[in-house]
Amino acid sequence: MIRFATLLAAAMTTATAIAAEAVVSTYWGGAKYDELRAVVVLPNGMVAAGGLAEAVVTGEKNKKVEGGEGRITLWSAEGKRISDETCDVVPSDMDCDAKGRLLAAGRGGVLCWDPVAKRKQWQAAVGGEDARVCAGPNGGAVVLANKRISVLDAAGNVAGEFGAAGGFVSDVACDPVSQTIFVVGFDNKRGTPPGQKRYPVQVAFVRAYDLRGEQRWQAYGWEGQAVADRQLMADTRAYRVALGDDGKLYVAGESAGGNTMWLRSSRNLDETLPMPKFDAFQHAYNTTANHITAVVRLDPKTGASEAATLLLARLANGKGNTIRPRTIAADAQGNIFVGGASAFSPPKTPGAFGREGGGAFLVVFDSQFRRTFATTLAGSATRVGCGAPPASNCW
């Protein structure tokens, strides 16, 4: 059994002209079961992709993935395959530091790898399956695993650890300059809307910490009764967070319907957040409890929300359909790249490469949250990495 894994690059030439053509398209993996899990564009324009390779699927009814190895593949900026590296870590997430060193976290720990010299710098026994990683201060790394944050120094030693608050903690990002760590996730809460019975509700949060684990600020994370009082009872979850190359903080979350707290300011639940509704795919009408995507830009110093939009798929009859984010990135011009998995009929730019119907999606927004490009690919979800000039590519 082969799980389809593909990489596709779309070059950007200006902030307003996103090329609607594929510059490079290639497969990743081999003859067995493969999972492409992470893509990173390095400062020199090289592209690294990693995940699980050469695994096998056993069982007829209850299928199980067994075995396999970690693999990281490196391409040039032009799409020429440079190397395939087998590694002890099976990457679930990857990032790179300012020097272009690659960081990979997952089953087996955390790996720091020099893609130019093609050698391992260090490996640390933190993290684990589904761990998340980002570049940290002073050439180190920050790792999230099982709601625990590990801060590593430039040699891979654990410089500090602390627990991140929250019922479900999904992702981590770091600003190495201000030495701020950002985490996102959601909590299960309960509230009683006016005139109704008490209901469960999931509430997304964004939190910022210093390197010692002291909380600097919280965005969203409201009490269940607070959202119930305002009849904003759609479940919300924050899945991904990224510090953009423009210095802003970006969050990709979802909402089970349109009556959602994402419509409000991150610091004031009674303040409506200006949210552009450029077309039917960015306007949550005629929708029920299907999961839709929320994209938010925050001030990383305070957690104040600056702008946001909702994104949903649409059936032929006009009814809203599910679209769920699994990755986010932003370039120096504030263009935002969101990828994930969609049910039938997500937005697609006329004439764009890709396929019709549901599947893995890629959407690009400009800094005003106007959608400038969208397409759908075969597969279960996209992984997106982008690089600033001279590596002005999105993969």
Protein backbone atom coordinates (compact mmCIF):
# COMPACT_ATOMS: atom_id res chain seq x y z
CA MET A 1 0.00 0.00 0.00
CA ILE A 2 1.42 3.40 -0.98
CA ARG A 3 0.14 6.55 0.64
CA PHE A 4 0.26 9.27 -2.00
CA ALA A 5 2.86 11.85 -1.10
CA THR A 6 3.65 14.75 -3.40
CA LEU A 7 5.54 18.01 -3.31
CA LEU A 8 4.57 20.95 -5.41
CA ALA A 9 6.23 24.37 -5.61
CA ALA A 10 4.61 27.61 -6.73
CA ALA A 11 7.06 30.50 -7.16
CA MET A 12 6.16 33.98 -5.98
CA THR A 13 7.50 36.97 -7.84
CA THR A 14 5.72 39.84 -6.09
CA ALA A 15 3.40 40.27 -3.15
CA THR A 16 0.38 40.60 -5.44
CA ALA A 17 1.29 38.17 -8.20
CA ILE A 18 1.13 34.59 -6.98
CA ALA A 19 2.01 32.36 -9.91
CA ALA A 20 -0.86 30.01 -10.69
CA GLU A 21 1.39 27.39 -12.20
CA ALA A 22 3.44 24.56 -10.81
CA VAL A 23 7.16 25.13 -11.17
CA VAL A 24 8.17 21.76 -9.74
CA SER A 25 6.13 18.65 -9.02
CA THR A 26 7.50 15.40 -7.70
CA TYR A 27 6.72 12.33 -5.63
CA TRP A 28 8.24 11.59 -2.26
CA GLY A 29 8.74 8.08 -0.94
CA GLY A 30 9.11 4.65 -2.47
CA ALA A 31 7.34 1.37 -3.13
CA LYS A 32 5.99 0.86 0.39
CA TYR A 33 3.85 2.93 2.76
CA ASP A 34 5.09 6.53 3.07
CA GLU A 35 3.85 9.61 4.91
CA LEU A 36 5.19 13.04 3.97
CA ARG A 37 4.82 15.06 7.17
CA ALA A 38 6.86 18.26 6.92
CA VAL A 39 8.33 20.68 4.36
CA VAL A 40 10.83 23.47 5.03
CA VAL A 41 12.32 26.09 2.68
CA LEU A 42 15.87 26.86 3.83
CA PRO A 43 17.40 30.36 3.68
CA ASN A 44 19.57 29.40 0.68
CA GLY A 45 16.52 28.28 -1.30
CA MET A 46 16.98 24.56 -0.75
CA VAL A 47 13.88 22.60 0.21
CA ALA A 48 13.77 19.77 2.76
CA ALA A 49 10.91 17.33 3.20
CA GLY A 50 10.66 14.61 5.79
CA GLY A 51 8.46 11.90 7.19
CA LEU A 52 7.92 8.17 7.50
CA ALA A 53 9.26 5.97 4.68
CA GLU A 54 9.30 2.25 3.85
CA ALA A 55 6.65 1.25 6.38
CA VAL A 56 4.17 -1.58 5.90
CA VAL A 57 0.43 -1.82 6.56
CA THR A 58 -0.84 -4.95 8.28
CA GLY A 59 -4.33 -6.23 9.01
CA GLU A 60 -7.45 -6.42 6.88
CA LYS A 61 -10.14 -4.69 8.92
CA ASN A 62 -8.02 -3.04 11.58
CA LYS A 63 -5.15 -1.72 9.53
CA LYS A 64 -1.95 -0.81 11.35
CA VAL A 65 1.19 0.93 10.13
CA GLU A 66 4.33 -0.85 11.28
CA GLY A 67 8.06 -0.34 10.92
CA GLY A 68 9.48 2.20 8.58
CA GLU A 69 12.29 4.69 8.92
CA GLY A 70 12.80 8.41 9.12
CA ARG A 71 13.75 10.06 5.86
CA ILE A 72 14.70 13.61 4.90
CA THR A 73 14.99 14.56 1.23
CA LEU A 74 16.74 17.69 0.01
CA TRP A 75 16.08 19.56 -3.25
CA SER A 76 17.70 22.59 -4.83
CA ALA A 77 15.64 25.74 -5.31
CA GLU A 78 15.10 24.62 -8.91
CA GLY A 79 13.66 21.30 -7.80
CA LYS A 80 16.66 19.05 -8.42
CA ARG A 81 16.86 16.21 -5.92
CA ILE A 82 20.14 16.49 -4.02
CA SER A 83 20.00 13.77 -1.40
CA ASP A 84 17.89 11.27 0.53
CA GLU A 85 18.96 10.82 4.13
CA THR A 86 17.80 8.01 6.38
CA CYS A 87 17.74 9.16 10.01
CA ASP A 88 16.97 7.85 13.48
CA VAL A 89 14.21 10.44 13.91
CA VAL A 90 10.93 9.93 12.05
CA PRO A 91 9.94 13.58 11.51
CA SER A 92 6.47 14.72 12.46
CA ASP A 93 7.55 18.37 12.16
CA MET A 94 10.55 20.32 10.88
CA ASP A 95 11.95 23.85 10.95
CA CYS A 96 15.26 25.56 10.21
CA ASP A 97 17.31 28.13 12.10
CA ALA A 98 18.85 31.34 10.82
CA LYS A 99 22.03 29.49 9.80
CA GLY A 100 20.07 27.07 7.64
CA ARG A 101 20.42 24.10 9.96
CA LEU A 102 17.46 21.75 9.77
CA LEU A 103 15.54 20.75 12.90
CA ALA A 104 13.37 17.62 12.84
CA ALA A 105 11.29 16.25 15.72
CA GLY A 106 9.25 13.10 16.07
CA ARG A 107 9.63 9.47 16.95
CA GLY A 108 13.25 9.03 18.04
CA GLY A 109 13.77 12.53 19.44
CA VAL A 110 15.02 15.76 17.89
CA LEU A 111 17.64 15.98 15.17
CA CYS A 112 19.74 18.96 14.08
CA TRP A 113 21.16 18.37 10.62
CA ASP A 114 23.46 20.46 8.41
CA PRO A 115 21.98 20.08 4.90
CA VAL A 116 25.03 21.56 3.17
CA ALA A 117 27.63 19.39 4.91
CA LYS A 118 25.08 16.53 4.98
CA ARG A 119 25.88 15.56 8.53
CA LYS A 120 24.16 15.42 11.89
CA GLN A 121 25.01 18.23 14.31
CA TRP A 122 23.30 16.71 17.33
CA GLN A 123 20.39 14.56 18.44
CA ALA A 124 18.37 14.96 21.65
CA ALA A 125 16.16 12.43 23.41
CA VAL A 126 13.13 14.70 23.83
CA GLY A 127 9.89 14.89 21.90
CA GLY A 128 8.40 11.71 20.51
CA GLU A 129 5.58 10.74 18.15
CA ASP A 130 3.69 13.81 16.85
CA ALA A 131 6.16 16.24 18.47
CA ARG A 132 6.36 19.80 17.13
CA VAL A 133 9.58 21.80 16.81
CA CYS A 134 10.71 25.33 15.97
CA ALA A 135 13.98 27.24 15.97
CA GLY A 136 14.76 28.75 19.37
CA PRO A 137 16.98 31.49 20.78
CA ASN A 138 20.76 31.44 20.39
CA GLY A 139 20.83 28.68 17.81
CA GLY A 140 18.74 26.26 19.86
CA ALA A 141 15.31 24.70 19.44
CA VAL A 142 11.94 24.57 21.16
CA VAL A 143 10.04 21.27 21.24
CA LEU A 144 6.43 20.52 22.15
CA ALA A 145 5.43 16.97 23.10
CA ASN A 146 2.59 15.82 25.34
CA LYS A 147 1.84 19.39 26.47
CA ARG A 148 5.44 19.83 27.65
CA ILE A 149 7.85 22.43 26.28
CA SER A 150 11.58 21.65 26.10
CA VAL A 151 14.03 24.48 25.36
CA LEU A 152 17.27 23.19 23.84
CA ASP A 153 20.55 25.07 23.51
CA ALA A 154 22.74 25.18 20.39
CA ALA A 155 24.30 21.82 21.27
CA GLY A 156 20.98 20.05 21.84
CA ASN A 157 21.16 20.10 25.64
CA VAL A 158 17.96 20.74 27.58
CA ALA A 159 18.23 24.27 28.93
CA GLY A 160 14.73 24.38 30.40
CA GLU A 161 11.38 22.61 30.53
CA PHE A 162 7.85 23.54 31.56
CA GLY A 163 4.29 22.38 31.10
CA ALA A 164 2.02 24.33 28.75
CA ALA A 165 -1.44 25.06 30.14
CA GLY A 166 -4.46 23.74 28.26
CA GLY A 167 -6.44 20.58 27.71
CA PHE A 168 -5.15 20.08 24.17
CA VAL A 169 -1.93 21.80 23.06
CA SER A 170 -1.41 21.50 19.32
CA ASP A 171 1.58 23.53 18.17
CA VAL A 172 4.49 25.75 19.16
CA ALA A 173 6.34 28.72 17.64
CA CYS A 174 9.11 30.95 18.94
CA ASP A 175 10.43 34.46 18.45
CA PRO A 176 14.17 34.00 19.10
CA VAL A 177 14.75 37.75 19.38
CA SER A 178 12.22 38.48 22.14
CA GLN A 179 12.68 34.94 23.50
CA THR A 180 8.93 34.36 23.47
CA ILE A 181 7.36 30.92 23.01
CA PHE A 182 3.84 30.69 21.58
CA VAL A 183 1.50 27.73 21.95
CA VAL A 184 -2.00 27.06 20.63
CA GLY A 185 -4.71 24.54 21.41
CA PHE A 186 -8.19 24.29 22.90
CA ASP A 187 -10.09 23.36 26.06
CA ASN A 188 -13.36 21.54 26.69
CA LYS A 189 -15.71 23.84 28.60
CA ARG A 190 -19.44 24.23 29.25
CA GLY A 191 -21.93 27.09 29.12
CA THR A 192 -25.65 27.83 29.20
CA PRO A 193 -26.89 30.05 26.34
CA PRO A 194 -29.85 32.33 27.17
CA GLY A 195 -33.02 30.30 27.59
CA GLN A 196 -31.31 26.98 26.83
CA LYS A 197 -29.77 24.07 28.71
CA ARG A 198 -26.10 23.68 29.56
CA TYR A 199 -23.92 22.57 26.62
CA PRO A 200 -20.30 21.55 26.15
CA VAL A 201 -18.19 23.87 24.01
CA GLN A 202 -14.57 23.79 22.87
CA VAL A 203 -12.68 27.08 23.14
CA ALA A 204 -9.40 27.79 21.35
CA PHE A 205 -6.51 29.62 22.98
CA VAL A 206 -3.16 31.21 22.12
CA ARG A 207 -0.63 31.72 24.91
CA ALA A 208 2.81 33.30 25.09
CA TYR A 209 5.53 32.28 27.56
CA ASP A 210 9.06 33.31 28.36
CA LEU A 211 11.81 30.69 28.33
CA ARG A 212 11.17 29.83 31.99
CA GLY A 213 7.49 29.11 31.42
CA GLU A 214 6.08 32.36 32.83
CA GLN A 215 2.97 33.35 30.86
CA ARG A 216 3.28 36.71 29.14
CA TRP A 217 -0.21 36.94 27.65
CA GLN A 218 -3.26 34.96 26.60
CA ALA A 219 -5.47 35.46 23.54
CA TYR A 220 -8.97 33.92 23.31
CA GLY A 221 -9.30 31.08 25.85
CA TRP A 222 -12.62 32.44 27.12
CA GLU A 223 -14.71 30.72 29.79
CA GLY A 224 -17.51 28.55 28.45
CA GLN A 225 -20.20 30.73 30.00
CA ALA A 226 -18.73 33.85 28.39
CA VAL A 227 -19.14 32.45 24.86
CA ALA A 228 -22.54 30.99 25.78
CA ASP A 229 -23.82 34.39 26.99
CA ARG A 230 -23.01 35.78 23.54
CA GLN A 231 -24.38 32.71 21.72
CA LEU A 232 -21.01 31.95 20.16
CA MET A 233 -21.33 28.22 20.78
CA ALA A 234 -19.49 26.85 17.75
CA ASP A 235 -16.62 24.65 18.92
CA THR A 236 -13.28 26.31 18.18
CA ARG A 237 -9.81 24.79 18.03
CA ALA A 238 -6.41 26.32 17.31
CA TYR A 239 -4.23 23.84 15.42
CA ARG A 240 -1.20 25.68 14.06
CA VAL A 241 0.83 28.77 14.91
CA ALA A 242 3.71 30.41 13.03
CA LEU A 243 5.82 33.53 13.35
CA GLY A 244 5.71 35.03 9.87
CA ASP A 245 8.72 36.47 8.07
CA ASP A 246 6.90 39.82 8.47
CA GLY A 247 7.24 39.56 12.27
CA LYS A 248 3.54 38.91 12.89
CA LEU A 249 2.01 35.88 14.60
CA TYR A 250 -0.35 33.71 12.54
CA VAL A 251 -2.84 31.13 13.79
CA ALA A 252 -4.77 28.54 11.81
CA GLY A 253 -7.80 27.21 13.63
CA GLU A 254 -11.23 25.87 12.94
CA SER A 255 -14.81 26.41 13.98
CA ALA A 256 -17.75 24.00 13.94
CA GLY A 257 -20.08 26.49 12.28
CA GLY A 258 -20.32 30.23 11.80
CA ASN A 259 -21.48 31.42 15.25
CA THR A 260 -17.92 31.52 16.47
CA MET A 261 -15.71 33.44 18.84
CA TRP A 262 -13.19 33.86 15.98
CA LEU A 263 -15.50 36.71 14.88
CA ARG A 264 -14.51 38.66 17.98
CA SER A 265 -11.34 40.36 19.18
CA SER A 266 -8.81 38.06 20.82
CA ARG A 267 -8.73 40.28 23.93
CA ASN A 268 -12.34 41.57 24.06
CA LEU A 269 -15.22 39.18 23.42
CA ASP A 270 -17.63 42.11 22.97
CA GLU A 271 -15.56 43.68 20.20
CA THR A 272 -16.29 42.49 16.66
CA LEU A 273 -13.14 41.84 14.67
CA PRO A 274 -13.15 43.36 11.16
CA MET A 275 -13.32 40.31 8.94
CA PRO A 276 -13.36 40.63 5.13
CA LYS A 277 -16.07 38.69 3.30
CA PHE A 278 -14.73 38.88 -0.24
CA ASP A 279 -16.91 36.04 -1.56
CA ALA A 280 -18.94 33.00 -0.55
CA PHE A 281 -15.81 31.05 0.41
CA GLN A 282 -14.85 33.67 3.01
CA HIS A 283 -18.33 34.31 4.40
CA ALA A 284 -19.81 31.80 6.85
CA TYR A 285 -23.47 31.90 5.82
CA ASN A 286 -25.72 28.90 5.02
CA THR A 287 -23.60 26.63 7.16
CA THR A 288 -24.37 24.41 10.14
CA ALA A 289 -21.84 22.60 12.32
CA ASN A 290 -19.43 21.68 9.54
CA HIS A 291 -15.82 22.51 10.46
CA ILE A 292 -14.45 25.59 8.71
CA THR A 293 -11.06 27.29 8.83
CA ALA A 294 -10.16 30.46 10.72
CA VAL A 295 -6.99 32.39 9.87
CA VAL A 296 -5.89 35.08 12.33
CA ARG A 297 -3.02 37.58 12.51
CA LEU A 298 -1.92 38.65 16.00
CA ASP A 299 0.53 41.13 17.47
CA PRO A 300 3.19 38.81 18.95
CA LYS A 301 4.00 41.32 21.69
CA THR A 302 0.47 41.49 23.13
CA GLY A 303 -1.70 38.80 21.54
CA ALA A 304 -4.07 41.45 20.18
CA SER A 305 -5.83 40.32 17.01
CA GLU A 306 -5.18 42.54 14.00
CA ALA A 307 -7.14 40.85 11.22
CA ALA A 308 -8.72 37.52 10.36
CA THR A 309 -10.88 35.65 7.90
CA LEU A 310 -12.94 32.49 7.72
CA LEU A 311 -12.59 29.96 4.91
CA LEU A 312 -15.05 27.25 3.92
CA ALA A 313 -15.88 24.96 1.05
CA ARG A 314 -19.22 25.27 -0.80
CA LEU A 315 -21.45 22.61 -2.31
CA ALA A 316 -23.17 23.20 -5.64
CA ASN A 317 -26.40 24.06 -3.81
CA GLY A 318 -24.59 26.84 -1.92
CA LYS A 319 -24.42 25.09 1.42
CA GLY A 320 -21.19 25.45 3.39
CA ASN A 321 -18.90 22.43 3.59
CA THR A 322 -15.94 21.33 5.72
CA ILE A 323 -12.37 22.57 5.28
CA ARG A 324 -9.77 21.98 8.01
CA PRO A 325 -6.32 23.60 8.36
CA ARG A 326 -3.15 21.68 9.16
CA THR A 327 -0.37 24.14 8.28
CA ILE A 328 0.26 27.89 8.05
CA ALA A 329 3.14 30.15 7.00
CA ALA A 330 3.62 33.80 6.03
CA ASP A 331 6.28 35.60 4.00
CA ALA A 332 7.93 38.99 4.51
CA GLN A 333 5.18 40.76 2.54
CA GLY A 334 2.44 39.32 4.73
CA ASN A 335 1.17 36.80 2.20
CA ILE A 336 -0.37 33.93 4.15
CA PHE A 337 -0.20 30.28 3.07
CA VAL A 338 -2.71 27.84 4.54
CA GLY A 339 -2.95 24.14 3.78
CA GLY A 340 -4.96 21.22 5.06
CA ALA A 341 -7.77 18.87 4.10
CA SER A 342 -11.09 19.77 2.54
CA ALA A 343 -14.37 18.07 1.82
CA PHE A 344 -15.95 18.54 -1.60
CA SER A 345 -15.64 21.85 -3.44
CA PRO A 346 -13.12 24.12 -1.71
CA PRO A 347 -12.17 27.33 -3.55
CA LYS A 348 -10.01 26.92 -6.65
CA THR A 349 -8.48 29.67 -8.76
CA PRO A 350 -9.70 29.45 -12.38
CA GLY A 351 -7.02 27.87 -14.54
CA ALA A 352 -4.88 26.80 -11.59
CA PHE A 353 -3.05 23.50 -11.50
CA GLY A 354 -4.54 20.80 -9.30
CA ARG A 355 -7.79 18.89 -9.27
CA GLU A 356 -11.47 19.52 -8.74
CA GLY A 357 -13.34 18.28 -5.69
CA GLY A 358 -12.05 17.69 -2.20
CA GLY A 359 -8.64 16.65 -0.94
CA ALA A 360 -5.49 18.41 0.18
CA PHE A 361 -5.83 22.16 -0.33
CA LEU A 362 -3.53 25.17 -0.56
CA VAL A 363 -4.85 28.72 -0.23
CA VAL A 364 -2.86 31.97 -0.39
CA PHE A 365 -4.12 35.24 1.10
CA ASP A 366 -2.53 38.65 0.72
CA SER A 367 -1.86 40.86 3.74
CA GLN A 368 -5.45 42.16 3.60
CA PHE A 369 -6.73 38.55 3.72
CA ARG A 370 -7.94 38.69 0.15
CA ARG A 371 -7.61 35.23 -1.40
CA THR A 372 -5.13 35.42 -4.28
CA PHE A 373 -4.68 31.74 -5.09
CA ALA A 374 -6.30 28.41 -4.25
CA THR A 375 -6.04 24.86 -5.48
CA THR A 376 -6.69 21.27 -4.46
CA LEU A 377 -4.33 18.32 -4.77
CA ALA A 378 -4.70 14.58 -4.38
CA GLY A 379 -3.91 13.37 -0.89
CA SER A 380 -5.17 13.83 2.65
CA ALA A 381 -3.57 17.18 3.56
CA THR A 382 -0.87 19.60 2.44
CA ARG A 383 2.32 20.60 4.22
CA VAL A 384 3.50 24.13 3.43
CA GLY A 385 6.85 25.82 3.81
CA CYS A 386 7.80 29.20 2.44
CA GLY A 387 10.99 31.20 2.26
CA ALA A 388 11.89 34.86 2.05
CA PRO A 389 14.03 36.18 -0.83
CA PRO A 390 16.26 34.88 -2.29
CA ALA A 391 14.33 31.71 -1.43
CA SER A 392 11.02 33.24 -2.52
CA ASN A 393 9.22 29.96 -2.96
CA CYS A 394 6.22 28.26 -1.45
CA TRP A 395 6.33 24.47 -1.30
